[in-house]
Each structure stands twice: as structure tokens, then as C-alpha cells.
Amino acid sequence: MALPVSTTHRSLLITLALSSLALGGPHAAAQGTPAPASTAPAPATPPTTPARVAGTTTQAVSAVAVDISAAARGQIVTCPAALKLSASAVCLYVKSGASTLRPLIRGRLAGRAAGEWKTTGKASTLLVTARVGEPVNAFVLLSALADQESLVVVDAVQVRAAAPAPGVPAGVTRGQPYVLGSDLAGVVKVTPLGSGRFRLSVVDQPALTVTVGQRKAQTDQGSVELPLAPATDGRNLIFPVSGLRALGCTVTPAGKDMTVACGTESVGLKPIVF
């Protein structure tokens, strides 16, 4: 039977919490991004609400913690608040050294361990799964408190949301070529007028005023109908290649590139197809 944790041991847990924060916290280690060690104490931070953890991940944490406790004969203790763990985290106090526990835990988890231990300072981290073949959904943090005392933390992997894929600007027609107004510099002068309106000017040709989302455009001589409506990404005019004819320009394909000629000026560019 494991011995109860003494006041000294609880003090060591607090020391561990501060040391772990100085190293970037357990989540930083679990994601494989080592942080430089620091001897300065971690600044005090206000308490935060624990992250909500999915039920399947909570089960993974529990399953891993049970296996480790059975193998290492650990005693469940309160996780240090400074570690900012999730609500499903389990912390075990074990009267064994880290060098002994690393192979013991790695062997106990067998095929559920993703890779090997990654060590930063006095902390070692191992990514794990609840069952063989599942995606990584938990990690084990092992920190040495003394030669024969360790704290083992099992918690959910905090997965960072992937950056959203660039969206298609509203109003564009998929599969049709467009050009940015800035790409036409040298042949067409594009002037923003505000409220989604732009003026396109070509030497010796009537200026064309277009409105984002509308096929009808205006010239000094009246209105014209564009084949496709122009769009914007919030900053740039996105103009349909087919609409360049309304400016008296010609378009010559050249493989994936093209040449736009307006009067005596021309520019080579690559069209955008959404």
C-alpha cells in the first residue's frame, strides 16, 4: 500500500508546478516543442476555467491512469493548479525514481505509446492512446521530485484547431479566371471609390466604374453588362478576365499564364481560378 503524501511532498508538488511552468507547461512538452529552461520563478496567473474535454478523451485519460497506477503503485493526489491541466487530468505520486518509471510505464502501455519519451530538464513526456490504433488523445508527464519520488500526470492532448482553409470570395464563379486589380498595374489603373465600387481606367479608353457583386458597370457613355460580376477579398478587386474586353483590352493565353494588352501597354500574369 502506498504511503500518504506528507506536507514535504506537497511542497515538492508546488515546486514542480512552478518548474513545469518555467519549461512551458506539460502541453507544450506534449506537442514536442521544447522551451528553454528558466531559473526565474513563474509569474502568478489568475485561475482559469479548465478546458472542456470530450468524453472519449476523458476515457482515454482514465484508462491510461489506471494502467500506470497498477504498474507503478501510485497514489492519486490533487494536481497542482499552476499546471493548468484539463478537468480530466489525473496526478499520481509514486515512490520511485524517474529512471525506473520511464521503462516501466513505456512497457506497460506497450503499443499504445506513440514514440519514445521526450525529456526536457526534469520532465519527460510520452504521447499515448487509449487503445492500439487510435489517434493520440492523451499524454503522460513524468517529473522527478527527488531521487526516489516522482509525480506522474496523465491528461488529454490539447489539440490546436487547424487554420481554416482560405474561403472562396463571395460572388465569384467557380472555374472562371479572375485577376487581382493590383496585378493589372501598368495597363489598368484601379481606383477604390468605397462601398465596393472601383474605377478602372485605361489610356484612350472611357473609364469603367464597377460594383462588387454586380454585372452592370458604368462608363461616361452609359452602362455596360459584364460577363461576370467582380468580387473582392475585402481589400483587392477581383476582376473577371472576360470583363477586360469592356476596357478595350485583349487577353492572350500562354499556357497557365496570359498576357493582357491595353492600348500600347501589356503585362504578363497568372489568372486565379477558384
Protein backbone atom coordinates (compact mmCIF):
# COMPACT_ATOMS: atom_id res chain seq x y z
CA MET A 1 0.00 0.00 0.00
CA ALA A 2 1.34 3.46 -0.95
CA LEU A 3 2.24 5.78 1.91
CA PRO A 4 0.24 9.01 2.33
CA VAL A 5 1.75 12.17 0.88
CA SER A 6 3.40 14.28 3.57
CA THR A 7 3.49 18.08 3.80
CA THR A 8 7.02 17.99 2.42
CA HIS A 9 5.84 16.07 -0.57
CA ARG A 10 3.02 18.55 -1.18
CA SER A 11 5.58 21.36 -1.13
CA LEU A 12 7.57 19.48 -3.72
CA LEU A 13 4.46 19.30 -5.90
CA ILE A 14 4.16 23.08 -5.78
CA THR A 15 7.83 23.37 -6.72
CA LEU A 16 7.19 21.03 -9.62
CA ALA A 17 4.29 23.16 -10.78
CA LEU A 18 6.46 26.26 -10.93
CA SER A 19 9.28 24.38 -12.66
CA SER A 20 6.90 22.94 -15.24
CA LEU A 21 5.50 26.36 -15.99
CA ALA A 22 9.01 27.69 -16.49
CA LEU A 23 9.57 24.92 -19.01
CA GLY A 24 6.46 25.88 -20.95
CA GLY A 25 3.93 23.60 -19.24
CA PRO A 26 3.03 19.99 -19.92
CA HIS A 27 1.01 20.78 -23.02
CA ALA A 28 3.96 22.44 -24.71
CA ALA A 29 6.06 19.36 -23.98
CA ALA A 30 3.34 17.05 -25.20
CA GLN A 31 3.27 18.85 -28.52
CA GLY A 32 7.01 18.31 -28.94
CA THR A 33 8.03 21.98 -28.67
CA PRO A 34 10.76 22.26 -26.02
CA ALA A 35 11.02 25.55 -24.19
CA PRO A 36 14.24 26.92 -22.73
CA ALA A 37 14.74 26.27 -19.04
CA SER A 38 14.45 29.24 -16.74
CA THR A 39 15.58 29.75 -13.20
CA ALA A 40 13.23 32.67 -12.66
CA PRO A 41 10.01 31.83 -10.78
CA ALA A 42 6.88 31.70 -12.88
CA PRO A 43 4.66 34.79 -12.57
CA ALA A 44 1.41 34.44 -10.71
CA THR A 45 -1.55 33.95 -13.01
CA PRO A 46 -5.25 34.22 -12.29
CA PRO A 47 -7.18 30.95 -12.12
CA THR A 48 -8.71 29.82 -15.38
CA THR A 49 -11.64 27.60 -16.15
CA PRO A 50 -10.49 24.07 -17.05
CA ALA A 51 -10.93 23.18 -20.70
CA ARG A 52 -13.92 21.05 -21.58
CA VAL A 53 -12.74 17.59 -22.63
CA ALA A 54 -14.61 15.20 -24.90
CA GLY A 55 -15.97 12.02 -23.34
CA THR A 56 -13.76 9.73 -25.42
CA THR A 57 -10.65 11.65 -24.38
CA THR A 58 -11.69 11.50 -20.70
CA GLN A 59 -11.98 7.72 -21.03
CA ALA A 60 -8.52 7.59 -22.58
CA VAL A 61 -7.02 9.53 -19.67
CA SER A 62 -8.75 7.28 -17.13
CA ALA A 63 -7.67 4.09 -18.88
CA VAL A 64 -4.04 5.17 -19.10
CA ALA A 65 -4.01 6.39 -15.49
CA VAL A 66 -5.41 3.07 -14.21
CA ASP A 67 -2.75 1.08 -16.07
CA ILE A 68 0.08 3.30 -14.82
CA SER A 69 -1.20 3.23 -11.23
CA ALA A 70 -1.37 -0.55 -11.28
CA ALA A 71 2.16 -0.84 -12.63
CA ALA A 72 3.81 1.91 -10.57
CA ARG A 73 1.65 1.62 -7.43
CA GLY A 74 0.93 5.34 -7.49
CA GLN A 75 -1.29 7.30 -5.14
CA ILE A 76 -3.77 9.79 -6.61
CA VAL A 77 -3.10 13.35 -5.45
CA THR A 78 -4.54 16.74 -6.28
CA CYS A 79 -2.99 18.12 -9.45
CA PRO A 80 -1.14 21.43 -8.91
CA ALA A 81 -3.34 24.28 -10.14
CA ALA A 82 -0.33 26.04 -11.63
CA LEU A 83 -0.03 23.30 -14.27
CA LYS A 84 -3.37 24.41 -15.76
CA LEU A 85 -4.42 20.88 -16.65
CA SER A 86 -7.81 19.91 -18.03
CA ALA A 87 -10.67 18.77 -15.83
CA SER A 88 -9.95 15.13 -16.75
CA ALA A 89 -6.29 15.15 -15.64
CA VAL A 90 -5.09 12.52 -13.14
CA CYS A 91 -1.99 13.06 -10.99
CA LEU A 92 -0.16 10.22 -9.24
CA TYR A 93 2.52 10.41 -6.55
CA VAL A 94 4.92 7.48 -6.93
CA LYS A 95 7.77 6.49 -4.63
CA SER A 96 10.11 5.56 -7.47
CA GLY A 97 12.69 7.46 -9.46
CA ALA A 98 12.06 8.73 -12.97
CA SER A 99 14.74 6.49 -14.46
CA THR A 100 12.88 3.47 -13.10
CA LEU A 101 9.42 4.66 -14.10
CA ARG A 102 10.15 5.57 -17.72
CA PRO A 103 10.77 1.98 -18.96
CA LEU A 104 8.10 0.62 -16.60
CA ILE A 105 5.38 2.94 -17.92
CA ARG A 106 6.53 2.60 -21.54
CA GLY A 107 6.42 -1.19 -21.25
CA ARG A 108 3.04 -1.20 -19.52
CA LEU A 109 1.45 0.90 -22.28
CA ALA A 110 3.07 -1.29 -24.98
CA GLY A 111 1.63 -0.50 -28.43
CA ARG A 112 -0.40 2.44 -27.16
CA ALA A 113 2.67 4.66 -26.75
CA ALA A 114 3.31 6.97 -29.69
CA GLY A 115 7.08 7.11 -29.99
CA GLU A 116 9.51 7.39 -27.11
CA TRP A 117 9.88 9.61 -24.06
CA LYS A 118 10.86 13.22 -24.77
CA THR A 119 12.79 14.77 -21.91
CA THR A 120 13.21 18.46 -21.10
CA GLY A 121 15.03 19.19 -17.86
CA LYS A 122 13.48 17.06 -15.11
CA ALA A 123 10.27 16.43 -17.06
CA SER A 124 9.63 13.62 -19.56
CA THR A 125 6.58 13.33 -21.80
CA LEU A 126 5.08 10.38 -23.64
CA LEU A 127 2.16 10.62 -26.08
CA VAL A 128 -0.32 7.75 -25.74
CA THR A 129 -3.68 6.40 -26.88
CA ALA A 130 -6.45 4.62 -25.00
CA ARG A 131 -6.30 1.64 -27.37
CA VAL A 132 -3.88 0.42 -30.01
CA GLY A 133 -4.50 2.02 -33.40
CA GLU A 134 -6.42 5.05 -32.12
CA PRO A 135 -5.23 8.63 -32.70
CA VAL A 136 -3.11 10.17 -29.96
CA ASN A 137 -5.51 11.61 -27.39
CA ALA A 138 -3.57 11.74 -24.12
CA PHE A 139 -0.08 12.21 -22.72
CA VAL A 140 1.92 11.17 -19.69
CA LEU A 141 4.10 13.74 -17.95
CA LEU A 142 6.73 12.34 -15.60
CA SER A 143 8.55 14.74 -13.29
CA ALA A 144 11.24 13.85 -10.78
CA LEU A 145 10.57 15.26 -7.29
CA ALA A 146 13.57 13.54 -5.71
CA ASP A 147 15.81 10.54 -6.34
CA GLN A 148 13.01 8.12 -5.41
CA GLU A 149 9.93 10.30 -5.75
CA SER A 150 8.05 11.26 -8.88
CA LEU A 151 4.84 12.90 -9.99
CA VAL A 152 3.04 11.26 -12.92
CA VAL A 153 0.42 13.30 -14.76
CA VAL A 154 -1.99 11.88 -17.31
CA ASP A 155 -4.05 14.39 -19.27
CA ALA A 156 -5.77 14.93 -22.58
CA VAL A 157 -3.79 16.25 -25.50
CA GLN A 158 -4.94 19.78 -26.19
CA VAL A 159 -5.30 19.71 -29.98
CA ARG A 160 -4.92 23.06 -31.63
CA ALA A 161 -7.58 23.83 -34.19
CA ALA A 162 -6.27 23.79 -37.74
CA ALA A 163 -6.21 27.10 -39.51
CA PRO A 164 -9.29 27.47 -41.69
CA ALA A 165 -8.73 26.94 -45.39
CA PRO A 166 -8.90 30.11 -47.45
CA GLY A 167 -12.50 30.64 -48.48
CA VAL A 168 -13.81 31.48 -51.93
CA PRO A 169 -14.76 35.17 -52.09
CA ALA A 170 -18.48 35.73 -52.29
CA GLY A 171 -19.80 36.28 -55.79
CA VAL A 172 -17.06 34.59 -57.81
CA THR A 173 -17.94 31.88 -60.31
CA ARG A 174 -16.02 28.69 -59.76
CA GLY A 175 -13.89 27.54 -62.66
CA GLN A 176 -13.68 31.01 -64.26
CA PRO A 177 -10.41 33.00 -64.40
CA TYR A 178 -10.03 36.22 -62.42
CA VAL A 179 -7.22 38.71 -61.83
CA LEU A 180 -6.44 40.98 -58.89
CA GLY A 181 -6.71 44.67 -59.59
CA SER A 182 -3.15 45.07 -58.32
CA ASP A 183 -1.92 42.58 -60.96
CA LEU A 184 -3.11 44.96 -63.69
CA ALA A 185 -0.74 47.74 -62.61
CA GLY A 186 0.89 49.28 -65.67
CA VAL A 187 -2.00 48.64 -68.02
CA VAL A 188 -5.12 49.40 -65.95
CA LYS A 189 -5.33 51.97 -63.15
CA VAL A 190 -7.66 50.71 -60.41
CA THR A 191 -9.03 53.33 -58.00
CA PRO A 192 -11.13 52.27 -54.96
CA LEU A 193 -14.19 54.51 -54.56
CA GLY A 194 -15.56 52.93 -51.39
CA SER A 195 -18.75 50.91 -50.77
CA GLY A 196 -17.49 48.13 -53.06
CA ARG A 197 -17.04 50.39 -56.06
CA PHE A 198 -13.87 50.68 -58.20
CA ARG A 199 -12.91 52.80 -61.17
CA LEU A 200 -10.81 51.12 -63.88
CA SER A 201 -9.00 53.47 -66.25
CA VAL A 202 -7.10 52.74 -69.46
CA VAL A 203 -5.35 55.36 -71.57
CA ASP A 204 -7.53 56.49 -74.51
CA GLN A 205 -10.50 54.47 -73.26
CA PRO A 206 -13.59 55.51 -71.25
CA ALA A 207 -13.19 54.80 -67.53
CA LEU A 208 -15.22 51.87 -66.22
CA THR A 209 -16.86 52.03 -62.78
CA VAL A 210 -17.75 48.62 -61.38
CA THR A 211 -19.52 47.48 -58.23
CA VAL A 212 -18.65 44.27 -56.41
CA GLY A 213 -21.36 41.68 -56.94
CA GLN A 214 -22.97 43.45 -59.90
CA ARG A 215 -22.53 42.72 -63.59
CA LYS A 216 -23.78 46.16 -64.63
CA ALA A 217 -20.96 48.71 -64.89
CA GLN A 218 -20.91 52.39 -65.80
CA THR A 219 -18.89 54.42 -68.32
CA ASP A 220 -19.10 58.07 -69.36
CA GLN A 221 -21.07 56.86 -72.35
CA GLY A 222 -23.59 54.75 -70.42
CA SER A 223 -23.88 51.35 -68.78
CA VAL A 224 -22.35 48.08 -69.94
CA GLU A 225 -23.00 44.50 -68.92
CA LEU A 226 -20.01 42.45 -67.78
CA PRO A 227 -19.93 38.68 -68.45
CA LEU A 228 -19.32 38.06 -64.73
CA ALA A 229 -19.65 40.20 -61.64
CA PRO A 230 -16.45 41.44 -59.98
CA ALA A 231 -15.69 40.45 -56.39
CA THR A 232 -13.32 41.41 -53.58
CA ASP A 233 -11.38 39.74 -50.78
CA GLY A 234 -12.00 42.77 -48.58
CA ARG A 235 -9.01 44.66 -49.91
CA ASN A 236 -8.32 43.79 -53.54
CA LEU A 237 -10.61 44.00 -56.53
CA ILE A 238 -11.07 40.53 -58.05
CA PHE A 239 -11.98 41.16 -61.66
CA PRO A 240 -13.13 38.57 -64.22
CA VAL A 241 -10.71 38.15 -67.11
CA SER A 242 -13.64 38.12 -69.53
CA GLY A 243 -14.61 41.60 -68.33
CA LEU A 244 -11.33 43.13 -69.52
CA ARG A 245 -12.78 43.40 -73.02
CA ALA A 246 -15.08 46.15 -71.73
CA LEU A 247 -11.90 48.21 -71.25
CA GLY A 248 -10.70 47.56 -74.80
CA CYS A 249 -8.07 45.10 -73.57
CA THR A 250 -7.11 41.86 -75.25
CA VAL A 251 -6.13 38.64 -73.49
CA THR A 252 -3.68 36.15 -74.99
CA PRO A 253 -3.41 32.75 -73.24
CA ALA A 254 0.10 31.35 -72.77
CA GLY A 255 -0.27 28.02 -71.01
CA LYS A 256 -1.22 28.69 -67.40
CA ASP A 257 -0.21 32.34 -67.81
CA MET A 258 -1.64 35.04 -70.03
CA THR A 259 -0.78 38.41 -71.48
CA VAL A 260 -3.15 41.34 -71.02
CA ALA A 261 -2.67 44.16 -73.54
CA CYS A 262 -4.46 47.50 -73.15
CA GLY A 263 -3.52 50.01 -75.83
CA THR A 264 0.26 50.09 -76.21
CA GLU A 265 0.91 48.55 -72.77
CA SER A 266 0.85 44.89 -71.80
CA VAL A 267 1.54 42.75 -68.75
CA GLY A 268 2.01 39.04 -68.21
CA LEU A 269 0.22 37.47 -65.24
CA LYS A 270 -1.22 34.27 -63.88
CA PRO A 271 -5.02 34.20 -63.59
CA ILE A 272 -6.79 32.98 -60.45
CA VAL A 273 -9.30 30.17 -60.82
CA PHE A 274 -11.40 29.43 -57.73
